[in-house]
Each structure stands twice: as structure tokens, then as C-alpha cells.
PDB file of N, CA and C in Angstrom:
ATOM      1  N   MET A   1     -37.083  52.681 -67.270  1.00  0.00           N
ATOM      2  CA  MET A   1     -38.301  53.447 -67.423  1.00  0.00           C
ATOM      3  C   MET A   1     -38.652  53.546 -68.904  1.00  0.00           C
ATOM      4  N   SER A   2     -39.868  53.266 -69.226  1.00  0.00           N
ATOM      5  CA  SER A   2     -40.352  53.336 -70.593  1.00  0.00           C
ATOM      6  C   SER A   2     -40.610  54.789 -70.984  1.00  0.00           C
ATOM      7  N   GLN A   3     -40.152  55.167 -72.140  1.00  0.00           N
ATOM      8  CA  GLN A   3     -40.375  56.512 -72.656  1.00  0.00           C
ATOM      9  C   GLN A   3     -41.699  56.570 -73.396  1.00  0.00           C
ATOM     10  N   VAL A   4     -42.120  57.759 -73.718  1.00  0.00           N
ATOM     11  CA  VAL A   4     -43.329  57.962 -74.498  1.00  0.00           C
ATOM     12  C   VAL A   4     -42.948  58.066 -75.961  1.00  0.00           C
ATOM     13  N   GLY A   5     -43.637  57.304 -76.786  1.00  0.00           N
ATOM     14  CA  GLY A   5     -43.464  57.415 -78.224  1.00  0.00           C
ATOM     15  C   GLY A   5     -44.726  58.023 -78.797  1.00  0.00           C
ATOM     16  N   TYR A   6     -44.606  58.712 -79.913  1.00  0.00           N
ATOM     17  CA  TYR A   6     -45.801  59.287 -80.508  1.00  0.00           C
ATOM     18  C   TYR A   6     -45.648  59.450 -82.008  1.00  0.00           C
ATOM     19  N   ARG A   7     -46.814  59.555 -82.622  1.00  0.00           N
ATOM     20  CA  ARG A   7     -46.881  59.812 -84.055  1.00  0.00           C
ATOM     21  C   ARG A   7     -48.144  60.624 -84.299  1.00  0.00           C
ATOM     22  N   ALA A   8     -48.012  61.752 -84.958  1.00  0.00           N
ATOM     23  CA  ALA A   8     -49.164  62.577 -85.312  1.00  0.00           C
ATOM     24  C   ALA A   8     -49.555  62.244 -86.746  1.00  0.00           C
ATOM     25  N   ILE A   9     -50.807  61.847 -86.928  1.00  0.00           N
ATOM     26  CA  ILE A   9     -51.292  61.416 -88.233  1.00  0.00           C
ATOM     27  C   ILE A   9     -52.390  62.372 -88.685  1.00  0.00           C
ATOM     28  N   ALA A  10     -52.140  63.087 -89.779  1.00  0.00           N
ATOM     29  CA  ALA A  10     -53.137  64.008 -90.322  1.00  0.00           C
ATOM     30  C   ALA A  10     -54.165  63.213 -91.117  1.00  0.00           C
ATOM     31  N   ARG A  11     -55.423  63.514 -90.876  1.00  0.00           N
ATOM     32  CA  ARG A  11     -56.519  62.857 -91.614  1.00  0.00           C
ATOM     33  C   ARG A  11     -57.030  63.787 -92.720  1.00  0.00           C
ATOM     34  N   GLU A  12     -57.725  63.204 -93.660  1.00  0.00           N
ATOM     35  CA  GLU A  12     -58.297  63.987 -94.761  1.00  0.00           C
ATOM     36  C   GLU A  12     -59.333  64.989 -94.283  1.00  0.00           C
ATOM     37  N   ASP A  13     -60.009  64.705 -93.168  1.00  0.00           N
ATOM     38  CA  ASP A  13     -61.038  65.620 -92.664  1.00  0.00           C
ATOM     39  C   ASP A  13     -60.450  66.815 -91.911  1.00  0.00           C
ATOM     40  N   GLY A  14     -59.113  66.912 -91.873  1.00  0.00           N
ATOM     41  CA  GLY A  14     -58.459  68.037 -91.221  1.00  0.00           C
ATOM     42  C   GLY A  14     -58.082  67.798 -89.768  1.00  0.00           C
ATOM     43  N   SER A  15     -58.528  66.704 -89.195  1.00  0.00           N
ATOM     44  CA  SER A  15     -58.179  66.393 -87.810  1.00  0.00           C
ATOM     45  C   SER A  15     -56.820  65.695 -87.759  1.00  0.00           C
ATOM     46  N   THR A  16     -56.269  65.619 -86.567  1.00  0.00           N
ATOM     47  CA  THR A  16     -55.009  64.928 -86.351  1.00  0.00           C
ATOM     48  C   THR A  16     -55.194  63.870 -85.285  1.00  0.00           C
ATOM     49  N   VAL A  17     -54.706  62.671 -85.555  1.00  0.00           N
ATOM     50  CA  VAL A  17     -54.711  61.606 -84.556  1.00  0.00           C
ATOM     51  C   VAL A  17     -53.317  61.578 -83.940  1.00  0.00           C
ATOM     52  N   LEU A  18     -53.273  61.698 -82.620  1.00  0.00           N
ATOM     53  CA  LEU A  18     -52.019  61.605 -81.885  1.00  0.00           C
ATOM     54  C   LEU A  18     -51.950  60.217 -81.282  1.00  0.00           C
ATOM     55  N   GLN A  19     -51.105  59.386 -81.866  1.00  0.00           N
ATOM     56  CA  GLN A  19     -50.964  57.992 -81.425  1.00  0.00           C
ATOM     57  C   GLN A  19     -49.808  57.918 -80.428  1.00  0.00           C
ATOM     58  N   LEU A  20     -50.116  57.511 -79.192  1.00  0.00           N
ATOM     59  CA  LEU A  20     -49.128  57.465 -78.118  1.00  0.00           C
ATOM     60  C   LEU A  20     -48.800  56.028 -77.734  1.00  0.00           C
ATOM     61  N   THR A  21     -47.532  55.789 -77.438  1.00  0.00           N
ATOM     62  CA  THR A  21     -47.093  54.482 -76.960  1.00  0.00           C
ATOM     63  C   THR A  21     -46.204  54.696 -75.740  1.00  0.00           C
ATOM     64  N   GLY A  22     -45.924  53.623 -75.036  1.00  0.00           N
ATOM     65  CA  GLY A  22     -45.036  53.709 -73.875  1.00  0.00           C
ATOM     66  C   GLY A  22     -45.800  53.913 -72.585  1.00  0.00           C
ATOM     67  N   ALA A  23     -45.141  54.556 -71.628  1.00  0.00           N
ATOM     68  CA  ALA A  23     -45.713  54.753 -70.293  1.00  0.00           C
ATOM     69  C   ALA A  23     -46.286  56.158 -70.161  1.00  0.00           C
ATOM     70  N   LEU A  24     -47.603  56.246 -70.074  1.00  0.00           N
ATOM     71  CA  LEU A  24     -48.275  57.526 -69.888  1.00  0.00           C
ATOM     72  C   LEU A  24     -48.433  57.730 -68.381  1.00  0.00           C
ATOM     73  N   THR A  25     -47.318  58.057 -67.751  1.00  0.00           N
ATOM     74  CA  THR A  25     -47.235  58.116 -66.289  1.00  0.00           C
ATOM     75  C   THR A  25     -46.537  59.391 -65.831  1.00  0.00           C
ATOM     76  N   ILE A  26     -46.547  59.612 -64.536  1.00  0.00           N
ATOM     77  CA  ILE A  26     -45.963  60.816 -63.942  1.00  0.00           C
ATOM     78  C   ILE A  26     -44.503  60.993 -64.347  1.00  0.00           C
ATOM     79  N   GLN A  27     -43.779  59.919 -64.533  1.00  0.00           N
ATOM     80  CA  GLN A  27     -42.372  60.019 -64.923  1.00  0.00           C
ATOM     81  C   GLN A  27     -42.196  60.695 -66.285  1.00  0.00           C
ATOM     82  N   ASN A  28     -43.216  60.624 -67.127  1.00  0.00           N
ATOM     83  CA  ASN A  28     -43.140  61.177 -68.481  1.00  0.00           C
ATOM     84  C   ASN A  28     -44.107  62.336 -68.705  1.00  0.00           C
ATOM     85  N   ILE A  29     -44.687  62.876 -67.643  1.00  0.00           N
ATOM     86  CA  ILE A  29     -45.746  63.875 -67.794  1.00  0.00           C
ATOM     87  C   ILE A  29     -45.263  65.138 -68.504  1.00  0.00           C
ATOM     88  N   SER A  30     -44.054  65.574 -68.211  1.00  0.00           N
ATOM     89  CA  SER A  30     -43.520  66.777 -68.854  1.00  0.00           C
ATOM     90  C   SER A  30     -43.391  66.580 -70.364  1.00  0.00           C
ATOM     91  N   GLU A  31     -42.884  65.430 -70.757  1.00  0.00           N
ATOM     92  CA  GLU A  31     -42.749  65.111 -72.180  1.00  0.00           C
ATOM     93  C   GLU A  31     -44.122  65.023 -72.851  1.00  0.00           C
ATOM     94  N   MET A  32     -45.086  64.408 -72.169  1.00  0.00           N
ATOM     95  CA  MET A  32     -46.434  64.285 -72.739  1.00  0.00           C
ATOM     96  C   MET A  32     -47.077  65.654 -72.911  1.00  0.00           C
ATOM     97  N   LYS A  33     -46.864  66.545 -71.949  1.00  0.00           N
ATOM     98  CA  LYS A  33     -47.415  67.902 -72.047  1.00  0.00           C
ATOM     99  C   LYS A  33     -46.859  68.612 -73.271  1.00  0.00           C
ATOM    100  N   LYS A  34     -45.548  68.521 -73.492  1.00  0.00           N
ATOM    101  CA  LYS A  34     -44.923  69.149 -74.657  1.00  0.00           C
ATOM    102  C   LYS A  34     -45.509  68.607 -75.955  1.00  0.00           C
ATOM    103  N   ILE A  35     -45.698  67.294 -75.999  1.00  0.00           N
ATOM    104  CA  ILE A  35     -46.259  66.657 -77.200  1.00  0.00           C
ATOM    105  C   ILE A  35     -47.675  67.174 -77.456  1.00  0.00           C
ATOM    106  N   LEU A  36     -48.509  67.181 -76.424  1.00  0.00           N
ATOM    107  CA  LEU A  36     -49.889  67.650 -76.582  1.00  0.00           C
ATOM    108  C   LEU A  36     -49.941  69.111 -77.021  1.00  0.00           C
ATOM    109  N   LEU A  37     -49.141  69.964 -76.392  1.00  0.00           N
ATOM    110  CA  LEU A  37     -49.131  71.385 -76.756  1.00  0.00           C
ATOM    111  C   LEU A  37     -48.710  71.590 -78.204  1.00  0.00           C
ATOM    112  N   GLU A  38     -47.706  70.861 -78.645  1.00  0.00           N
ATOM    113  CA  GLU A  38     -47.225  70.987 -80.019  1.00  0.00           C
ATOM    114  C   GLU A  38     -48.304  70.571 -81.020  1.00  0.00           C
ATOM    115  N   VAL A  39     -48.946  69.448 -80.772  1.00  0.00           N
ATOM    116  CA  VAL A  39     -49.981  68.978 -81.692  1.00  0.00           C
ATOM    117  C   VAL A  39     -51.185  69.914 -81.673  1.00  0.00           C
ATOM    118  N   LEU A  40     -51.566  70.421 -80.493  1.00  0.00           N
ATOM    119  CA  LEU A  40     -52.689  71.357 -80.418  1.00  0.00           C
ATOM    120  C   LEU A  40     -52.384  72.692 -81.100  1.00  0.00           C
ATOM    121  N   LYS A  41     -51.124  73.076 -81.168  1.00  0.00           N
ATOM    122  CA  LYS A  41     -50.741  74.296 -81.889  1.00  0.00           C
ATOM    123  C   LYS A  41     -51.013  74.141 -83.379  1.00  0.00           C
ATOM    124  N   GLN A  42     -50.796  72.929 -83.880  1.00  0.00           N
ATOM    125  CA  GLN A  42     -50.847  72.691 -85.322  1.00  0.00           C
ATOM    126  C   GLN A  42     -52.205  72.242 -85.843  1.00  0.00           C
ATOM    127  N   ALA A  43     -53.073  71.749 -84.971  1.00  0.00           N
ATOM    128  CA  ALA A  43     -54.358  71.194 -85.429  1.00  0.00           C
ATOM    129  C   ALA A  43     -55.509  71.759 -84.607  1.00  0.00           C
ATOM    130  N   SER A  44     -56.653  71.921 -85.241  1.00  0.00           N
ATOM    131  CA  SER A  44     -57.819  72.421 -84.513  1.00  0.00           C
ATOM    132  C   SER A  44     -58.644  71.282 -83.916  1.00  0.00           C
ATOM    133  N   THR A  45     -58.470  70.082 -84.454  1.00  0.00           N
ATOM    134  CA  THR A  45     -59.160  68.907 -83.939  1.00  0.00           C
ATOM    135  C   THR A  45     -58.136  67.805 -83.717  1.00  0.00           C
ATOM    136  N   VAL A  46     -58.010  67.364 -82.460  1.00  0.00           N
ATOM    137  CA  VAL A  46     -57.032  66.336 -82.114  1.00  0.00           C
ATOM    138  C   VAL A  46     -57.747  65.163 -81.467  1.00  0.00           C
ATOM    139  N   ARG A  47     -57.450  63.973 -81.958  1.00  0.00           N
ATOM    140  CA  ARG A  47     -57.977  62.735 -81.391  1.00  0.00           C
ATOM    141  C   ARG A  47     -56.797  61.965 -80.819  1.00  0.00           C
ATOM    142  N   ILE A  48     -56.873  61.598 -79.542  1.00  0.00           N
ATOM    143  CA  ILE A  48     -55.809  60.877 -78.868  1.00  0.00           C
ATOM    144  C   ILE A  48     -56.061  59.379 -78.982  1.00  0.00           C
ATOM    145  N   ASP A  49     -55.087  58.659 -79.494  1.00  0.00           N
ATOM    146  CA  ASP A  49     -55.139  57.202 -79.553  1.00  0.00           C
ATOM    147  C   ASP A  49     -54.085  56.681 -78.578  1.00  0.00           C
ATOM    148  N   CYS A  50     -54.546  56.191 -77.427  1.00  0.00           N
ATOM    149  CA  CYS A  50     -53.608  55.650 -76.431  1.00  0.00           C
ATOM    150  C   CYS A  50     -53.780  54.140 -76.294  1.00  0.00           C
ATOM    151  N   SER A  51     -54.336  53.515 -77.323  1.00  0.00           N
ATOM    152  CA  SER A  51     -54.602  52.074 -77.280  1.00  0.00           C
ATOM    153  C   SER A  51     -53.325  51.235 -77.202  1.00  0.00           C
ATOM    154  N   LEU A  52     -52.191  51.803 -77.595  1.00  0.00           N
ATOM    155  CA  LEU A  52     -50.931  51.059 -77.566  1.00  0.00           C
ATOM    156  C   LEU A  52     -50.065  51.406 -76.352  1.00  0.00           C
ATOM    157  N   ALA A  53     -50.596  52.177 -75.423  1.00  0.00           N
ATOM    158  CA  ALA A  53     -49.831  52.548 -74.229  1.00  0.00           C
ATOM    159  C   ALA A  53     -49.564  51.313 -73.379  1.00  0.00           C
ATOM    160  N   GLU A  54     -48.349  51.229 -72.845  1.00  0.00           N
ATOM    161  CA  GLU A  54     -47.980  50.107 -71.980  1.00  0.00           C
ATOM    162  C   GLU A  54     -48.628  50.225 -70.614  1.00  0.00           C
ATOM    163  N   LYS A  55     -48.691  51.458 -70.106  1.00  0.00           N
ATOM    164  CA  LYS A  55     -49.339  51.716 -68.825  1.00  0.00           C
ATOM    165  C   LYS A  55     -49.680  53.187 -68.735  1.00  0.00           C
ATOM    166  N   MET A  56     -50.557  53.519 -67.802  1.00  0.00           N
ATOM    167  CA  MET A  56     -50.947  54.898 -67.574  1.00  0.00           C
ATOM    168  C   MET A  56     -51.330  55.063 -66.118  1.00  0.00           C
ATOM    169  N   ASP A  57     -51.305  56.310 -65.662  1.00  0.00           N
ATOM    170  CA  ASP A  57     -51.685  56.576 -64.283  1.00  0.00           C
ATOM    171  C   ASP A  57     -52.546  57.838 -64.206  1.00  0.00           C
ATOM    172  N   PHE A  58     -52.873  58.222 -62.987  1.00  0.00           N
ATOM    173  CA  PHE A  58     -53.770  59.351 -62.732  1.00  0.00           C
ATOM    174  C   PHE A  58     -53.250  60.651 -63.355  1.00  0.00           C
ATOM    175  N   SER A  59     -51.945  60.853 -63.373  1.00  0.00           N
ATOM    176  CA  SER A  59     -51.400  62.095 -63.934  1.00  0.00           C
ATOM    177  C   SER A  59     -51.761  62.244 -65.414  1.00  0.00           C
ATOM    178  N   TRP A  60     -51.855  61.132 -66.126  1.00  0.00           N
ATOM    179  CA  TRP A  60     -52.247  61.154 -67.542  1.00  0.00           C
ATOM    180  C   TRP A  60     -53.684  61.651 -67.674  1.00  0.00           C
ATOM    181  N   LEU A  61     -54.572  61.198 -66.796  1.00  0.00           N
ATOM    182  CA  LEU A  61     -55.960  61.661 -66.835  1.00  0.00           C
ATOM    183  C   LEU A  61     -56.036  63.156 -66.559  1.00  0.00           C
ATOM    184  N   GLN A  62     -55.269  63.623 -65.572  1.00  0.00           N
ATOM    185  CA  GLN A  62     -55.256  65.041 -65.239  1.00  0.00           C
ATOM    186  C   GLN A  62     -54.742  65.877 -66.415  1.00  0.00           C
ATOM    187  N   LEU A  63     -53.684  65.407 -67.070  1.00  0.00           N
ATOM    188  CA  LEU A  63     -53.138  66.124 -68.217  1.00  0.00           C
ATOM    189  C   LEU A  63     -54.154  66.184 -69.359  1.00  0.00           C
ATOM    190  N   LEU A  64     -54.823  65.081 -69.636  1.00  0.00           N
ATOM    191  CA  LEU A  64     -55.839  65.074 -70.695  1.00  0.00           C
ATOM    192  C   LEU A  64     -56.980  66.027 -70.379  1.00  0.00           C
ATOM    193  N   CYS A  65     -57.423  66.016 -69.137  1.00  0.00           N
ATOM    194  CA  CYS A  65     -58.510  66.906 -68.726  1.00  0.00           C
ATOM    195  C   CYS A  65     -58.087  68.370 -68.904  1.00  0.00           C
ATOM    196  N   SER A  66     -56.904  68.704 -68.457  1.00  0.00           N
ATOM    197  CA  SER A  66     -56.392  70.069 -68.584  1.00  0.00           C
ATOM    198  C   SER A  66     -56.233  70.463 -70.052  1.00  0.00           C
ATOM    199  N   ALA A  67     -55.676  69.579 -70.856  1.00  0.00           N
ATOM    200  CA  ALA A  67     -55.492  69.859 -72.284  1.00  0.00           C
ATOM    201  C   ALA A  67     -56.838  70.050 -72.981  1.00  0.00           C
ATOM    202  N   HIS A  68     -57.819  69.257 -72.601  1.00  0.00           N
ATOM    203  CA  HIS A  68     -59.152  69.373 -73.182  1.00  0.00           C
ATOM    204  C   HIS A  68     -59.766  70.732 -72.861  1.00  0.00           C
ATOM    205  N   ARG A  69     -59.693  71.125 -71.604  1.00  0.00           N
ATOM    206  CA  ARG A  69     -60.248  72.416 -71.187  1.00  0.00           C
ATOM    207  C   ARG A  69     -59.514  73.567 -71.882  1.00  0.00           C
ATOM    208  N   SER A  70     -58.191  73.478 -72.005  1.00  0.00           N
ATOM    209  CA  SER A  70     -57.404  74.505 -72.694  1.00  0.00           C
ATOM    210  C   SER A  70     -57.778  74.577 -74.174  1.00  0.00           C
ATOM    211  N   ALA A  71     -57.973  73.429 -74.798  1.00  0.00           N
ATOM    212  CA  ALA A  71     -58.367  73.397 -76.210  1.00  0.00           C
ATOM    213  C   ALA A  71     -59.718  74.079 -76.412  1.00  0.00           C
ATOM    214  N   LEU A  72     -60.670  73.811 -75.536  1.00  0.00           N
ATOM    215  CA  LEU A  72     -61.998  74.422 -75.651  1.00  0.00           C
ATOM    216  C   LEU A  72     -61.932  75.944 -75.553  1.00  0.00           C
ATOM    217  N   VAL A  73     -61.082  76.454 -74.672  1.00  0.00           N
ATOM    218  CA  VAL A  73     -60.952  77.897 -74.476  1.00  0.00           C
ATOM    219  C   VAL A  73     -60.541  78.599 -75.770  1.00  0.00           C
ATOM    220  N   VAL A  74     -59.714  77.952 -76.576  1.00  0.00           N
ATOM    221  CA  VAL A  74     -59.246  78.563 -77.826  1.00  0.00           C
ATOM    222  C   VAL A  74     -60.000  78.035 -79.051  1.00  0.00           C
ATOM    223  N   GLY A  75     -61.141  77.394 -78.814  1.00  0.00           N
ATOM    224  CA  GLY A  75     -61.998  76.947 -79.913  1.00  0.00           C
ATOM    225  C   GLY A  75     -61.522  75.705 -80.638  1.00  0.00           C
ATOM    226  N   LYS A  76     -60.724  74.893 -79.958  1.00  0.00           N
ATOM    227  CA  LYS A  76     -60.243  73.653 -80.561  1.00  0.00           C
ATOM    228  C   LYS A  76     -60.924  72.455 -79.922  1.00  0.00           C
ATOM    229  N   SER A  77     -60.707  71.293 -80.496  1.00  0.00           N
ATOM    230  CA  SER A  77     -61.347  70.065 -80.020  1.00  0.00           C
ATOM    231  C   SER A  77     -60.284  69.012 -79.706  1.00  0.00           C
ATOM    232  N   LEU A  78     -60.446  68.344 -78.561  1.00  0.00           N
ATOM    233  CA  LEU A  78     -59.549  67.261 -78.176  1.00  0.00           C
ATOM    234  C   LEU A  78     -60.402  66.150 -77.578  1.00  0.00           C
ATOM    235  N   ALA A  79     -60.183  64.930 -78.037  1.00  0.00           N
ATOM    236  CA  ALA A  79     -60.951  63.790 -77.536  1.00  0.00           C
ATOM    237  C   ALA A  79     -60.081  62.547 -77.536  1.00  0.00           C
ATOM    238  N   VAL A  80     -60.465  61.579 -76.719  1.00  0.00           N
ATOM    239  CA  VAL A  80     -59.795  60.280 -76.712  1.00  0.00           C
ATOM    240  C   VAL A  80     -60.535  59.388 -77.696  1.00  0.00           C
ATOM    241  N   GLU A  81     -59.785  58.762 -78.575  1.00  0.00           N
ATOM    242  CA  GLU A  81     -60.372  57.939 -79.630  1.00  0.00           C
ATOM    243  C   GLU A  81     -60.402  56.465 -79.232  1.00  0.00           C
ATOM    244  N   ALA A  82     -61.463  55.784 -79.590  1.00  0.00           N
ATOM    245  CA  ALA A  82     -61.565  54.338 -79.373  1.00  0.00           C
ATOM    246  C   ALA A  82     -60.632  53.638 -80.358  1.00  0.00           C
ATOM    247  N   PRO A  83     -60.137  52.456 -80.062  1.00  0.00           N
ATOM    248  CA  PRO A  83     -60.456  51.638 -78.889  1.00  0.00           C
ATOM    249  C   PRO A  83     -59.694  52.121 -77.658  1.00  0.00           C
ATOM    250  N   TYR A  84     -60.371  52.075 -76.534  1.00  0.00           N
ATOM    251  CA  TYR A  84     -59.767  52.495 -75.281  1.00  0.00           C
ATOM    252  C   TYR A  84     -59.055  51.316 -74.629  1.00  0.00           C
ATOM    253  N   PRO A  85     -57.835  51.522 -74.143  1.00  0.00           N
ATOM    254  CA  PRO A  85     -57.143  50.422 -73.462  1.00  0.00           C
ATOM    255  C   PRO A  85     -57.838  50.100 -72.143  1.00  0.00           C
ATOM    256  N   ASP A  86     -57.776  48.842 -71.734  1.00  0.00           N
ATOM    257  CA  ASP A  86     -58.405  48.433 -70.471  1.00  0.00           C
ATOM    258  C   ASP A  86     -57.928  49.270 -69.299  1.00  0.00           C
ATOM    259  N   GLY A  87     -56.667  49.624 -69.297  1.00  0.00           N
ATOM    260  CA  GLY A  87     -56.107  50.418 -68.208  1.00  0.00           C
ATOM    261  C   GLY A  87     -56.785  51.760 -68.052  1.00  0.00           C
ATOM    262  N   LEU A  88     -57.253  52.344 -69.149  1.00  0.00           N
ATOM    263  CA  LEU A  88     -57.921  53.644 -69.085  1.00  0.00           C
ATOM    264  C   LEU A  88     -59.226  53.541 -68.312  1.00  0.00           C
ATOM    265  N   HIS A  89     -60.004  52.502 -68.584  1.00  0.00           N
ATOM    266  CA  HIS A  89     -61.275  52.319 -67.873  1.00  0.00           C
ATOM    267  C   HIS A  89     -61.053  52.174 -66.372  1.00  0.00           C
ATOM    268  N   ALA A  90     -60.096  51.363 -65.999  1.00  0.00           N
ATOM    269  CA  ALA A  90     -59.847  51.095 -64.579  1.00  0.00           C
ATOM    270  C   ALA A  90     -59.373  52.344 -63.844  1.00  0.00           C
ATOM    271  N   ILE A  91     -58.399  53.047 -64.401  1.00  0.00           N
ATOM    272  CA  ILE A  91     -57.870  54.250 -63.747  1.00  0.00           C
ATOM    273  C   ILE A  91     -58.921  55.344 -63.702  1.00  0.00           C
ATOM    274  N   LYS A  92     -59.650  55.501 -64.764  1.00  0.00           N
ATOM    275  CA  LYS A  92     -60.697  56.519 -64.852  1.00  0.00           C
ATOM    276  C   LYS A  92     -61.747  56.310 -63.771  1.00  0.00           C
ATOM    277  N   THR A  93     -62.167  55.087 -63.567  1.00  0.00           N
ATOM    278  CA  THR A  93     -63.159  54.775 -62.550  1.00  0.00           C
ATOM    279  C   THR A  93     -62.589  54.962 -61.152  1.00  0.00           C
ATOM    280  N   GLU A  94     -61.390  54.457 -60.942  1.00  0.00           N
ATOM    281  CA  GLU A  94     -60.737  54.557 -59.634  1.00  0.00           C
ATOM    282  C   GLU A  94     -60.494  56.014 -59.224  1.00  0.00           C
ATOM    283  N   ALA A  95     -60.181  56.862 -60.188  1.00  0.00           N
ATOM    284  CA  ALA A  95     -59.868  58.264 -59.903  1.00  0.00           C
ATOM    285  C   ALA A  95     -61.106  59.157 -59.839  1.00  0.00           C
ATOM    286  N   GLY A  96     -62.281  58.607 -60.118  1.00  0.00           N
ATOM    287  CA  GLY A  96     -63.504  59.402 -60.060  1.00  0.00           C
ATOM    288  C   GLY A  96     -63.814  60.154 -61.337  1.00  0.00           C
ATOM    289  N   PHE A  97     -63.204  59.746 -62.453  1.00  0.00           N
ATOM    290  CA  PHE A  97     -63.453  60.387 -63.737  1.00  0.00           C
ATOM    291  C   PHE A  97     -64.534  59.651 -64.533  1.00  0.00           C
ATOM    292  N   ASP A  98     -65.202  58.710 -63.925  1.00  0.00           N
ATOM    293  CA  ASP A  98     -66.226  57.924 -64.595  1.00  0.00           C
ATOM    294  C   ASP A  98     -67.507  58.751 -64.644  1.00  0.00           C
ATOM    295  N   ARG A  99     -67.709  59.482 -65.711  1.00  0.00           N
ATOM    296  CA  ARG A  99     -68.780  60.480 -65.782  1.00  0.00           C
ATOM    297  C   ARG A  99     -69.867  60.133 -66.801  1.00  0.00           C
ATOM    298  N   HIS A 100     -71.075  60.545 -66.441  1.00  0.00           N
ATOM    299  CA  HIS A 100     -72.211  60.491 -67.366  1.00  0.00           C
ATOM    300  C   HIS A 100     -72.567  61.902 -67.820  1.00  0.00           C
ATOM    301  N   CYS A 101     -72.037  62.901 -67.115  1.00  0.00           N
ATOM    302  CA  CYS A 101     -72.260  64.298 -67.479  1.00  0.00           C
ATOM    303  C   CYS A 101     -70.996  65.094 -67.130  1.00  0.00           C
ATOM    304  N   SER A 102     -70.938  66.321 -67.584  1.00  0.00           N
ATOM    305  CA  SER A 102     -69.757  67.154 -67.361  1.00  0.00           C
ATOM    306  C   SER A 102     -69.544  67.457 -65.891  1.00  0.00           C
ATOM    307  N   CYS A 103     -68.331  67.830 -65.557  1.00  0.00           N
ATOM    308  CA  CYS A 103     -67.993  68.177 -64.177  1.00  0.00           C
ATOM    309  C   CYS A 103     -68.575  69.541 -63.817  1.00  0.00           C
ATOM    310  N   PRO A 104     -68.597  69.878 -62.542  1.00  0.00           N
ATOM    311  CA  PRO A 104     -69.149  71.169 -62.117  1.00  0.00           C
ATOM    312  C   PRO A 104     -68.405  72.380 -62.671  1.00  0.00           C
ATOM    313  N   LEU A 105     -67.160  72.212 -63.102  1.00  0.00           N
ATOM    314  CA  LEU A 105     -66.396  73.325 -63.664  1.00  0.00           C
ATOM    315  C   LEU A 105     -66.789  73.636 -65.104  1.00  0.00           C
ATOM    316  N   SER A 106     -67.541  72.757 -65.710  1.00  0.00           N
ATOM    317  CA  SER A 106     -67.912  72.901 -67.112  1.00  0.00           C
ATOM    318  C   SER A 106     -69.091  73.853 -67.266  1.00  0.00           C
ATOM    319  N   ASP A 107     -69.105  74.567 -68.393  1.00  0.00           N
ATOM    320  CA  ASP A 107     -70.219  75.463 -68.678  1.00  0.00           C
ATOM    321  C   ASP A 107     -71.283  74.810 -69.561  1.00  0.00           C
ATOM    322  N   ARG A 108     -70.996  73.594 -70.031  1.00  0.00           N
ATOM    323  CA  ARG A 108     -71.959  72.874 -70.873  1.00  0.00           C
ATOM    324  C   ARG A 108     -71.968  71.405 -70.497  1.00  0.00           C
ATOM    325  N   GLU A 109     -73.095  70.788 -70.688  1.00  0.00           N
ATOM    326  CA  GLU A 109     -73.282  69.373 -70.363  1.00  0.00           C
ATOM    327  C   GLU A 109     -72.454  68.447 -71.242  1.00  0.00           C
ATOM    328  N   ASP A 110     -72.158  68.889 -72.478  1.00  0.00           N
ATOM    329  CA  ASP A 110     -71.561  67.994 -73.461  1.00  0.00           C
ATOM    330  C   ASP A 110     -70.076  68.221 -73.721  1.00  0.00           C
ATOM    331  N   ASN A 111     -69.376  68.976 -72.877  1.00  0.00           N
ATOM    332  CA  ASN A 111     -67.986  69.263 -73.222  1.00  0.00           C
ATOM    333  C   ASN A 111     -66.960  68.630 -72.280  1.00  0.00           C
ATOM    334  N   CYS A 112     -67.271  67.492 -71.713  1.00  0.00           N
ATOM    335  CA  CYS A 112     -66.321  66.776 -70.863  1.00  0.00           C
ATOM    336  C   CYS A 112     -65.676  65.640 -71.671  1.00  0.00           C
ATOM    337  N   ILE A 113     -64.368  65.561 -71.599  1.00  0.00           N
ATOM    338  CA  ILE A 113     -63.636  64.530 -72.356  1.00  0.00           C
ATOM    339  C   ILE A 113     -63.986  63.117 -71.891  1.00  0.00           C
ATOM    340  N   TRP A 114     -64.451  62.967 -70.659  1.00  0.00           N
ATOM    341  CA  TRP A 114     -64.695  61.635 -70.094  1.00  0.00           C
ATOM    342  C   TRP A 114     -66.117  61.123 -70.286  1.00  0.00           C
ATOM    343  N   VAL A 115     -67.060  62.000 -70.614  1.00  0.00           N
ATOM    344  CA  VAL A 115     -68.443  61.557 -70.794  1.00  0.00           C
ATOM    345  C   VAL A 115     -68.503  60.572 -71.953  1.00  0.00           C
ATOM    346  N   GLY A 116     -69.068  59.418 -71.700  1.00  0.00           N
ATOM    347  CA  GLY A 116     -69.233  58.414 -72.746  1.00  0.00           C
ATOM    348  C   GLY A 116     -68.164  57.347 -72.778  1.00  0.00           C
ATOM    349  N   ILE A 117     -66.946  57.643 -72.307  1.00  0.00           N
ATOM    350  CA  ILE A 117     -65.899  56.624 -72.345  1.00  0.00           C
ATOM    351  C   ILE A 117     -66.203  55.566 -71.288  1.00  0.00           C
ATOM    352  N   GLY A 118     -66.394  54.349 -71.751  1.00  0.00           N
ATOM    353  CA  GLY A 118     -66.713  53.249 -70.846  1.00  0.00           C
ATOM    354  C   GLY A 118     -68.204  53.051 -70.660  1.00  0.00           C
ATOM    355  N   HIS A 119     -68.989  53.871 -71.346  1.00  0.00           N
ATOM    356  CA  HIS A 119     -70.458  53.770 -71.238  1.00  0.00           C
ATOM    357  C   HIS A 119     -71.081  53.399 -72.566  1.00  0.00           C
ATOM    358  N   GLU A 120     -70.259  52.858 -73.477  1.00  0.00           N
ATOM    359  CA  GLU A 120     -70.763  52.532 -74.812  1.00  0.00           C
ATOM    360  C   GLU A 120     -71.735  51.371 -74.748  1.00  0.00           C
TER     361      GLU A 120
END
């Protein structure tokens, strides 16, 4: 089983890029949650770079969605940064996360992590 690797890179603009490698799958979801929570504690703006991930599954999308909503509640920002791996587009579409607008749970049209990804 492939483990999750990560590196948090602080940018000059104050944001942090969280670069993830390995398998972003249910087998590693607990570890990924810990990583996301730790980085969100330390930074107000987090950009996820999963372009080097070996594979990903639906649980990764659910975790990102939950982390995004949690970040918004405390006034922080979390987004997935381009380039997006091909696997992200396929899983996102298959799971019904292929959005042009926010989900019904959202209070604003522009605060969904999935809006725009794959629609460039």
C-alpha cells in the first residue's frame, strides 16, 4: 500500500501550498485528515497540489469538501491548485462533484471547492 507523502510550502503572499504524493485513498484517509488539519491550523490560505498523487478515490473528494467547508466556517481559504491530475477529473465527474455552481448546502454561489475545476 502506498503511503501519503506531503510537503507544506510557505509562499511570500502568506499562503501555504500543501503538496501531496502517494495514494489519496480510503486506506490513507485518516493520515490525510491529520495532515490537512495541521496545515489549516498554521495557515489562513491553503492551496492543495495533488498533481503528483499516484491515485485517488471518492473518499479524497469527500475529505477535501469537508475540509473546505470547515475552513470557510473559521474564515480560512482552501482550494485545489492546478495542474489537476487526470484522475481528479474522472473521479470528480463520476462521483457527481462536477459543478458549475455551489451545492445546495452552500450559502453562496462562489464558495464551492469544485466549481471551475475541469471547466477551464
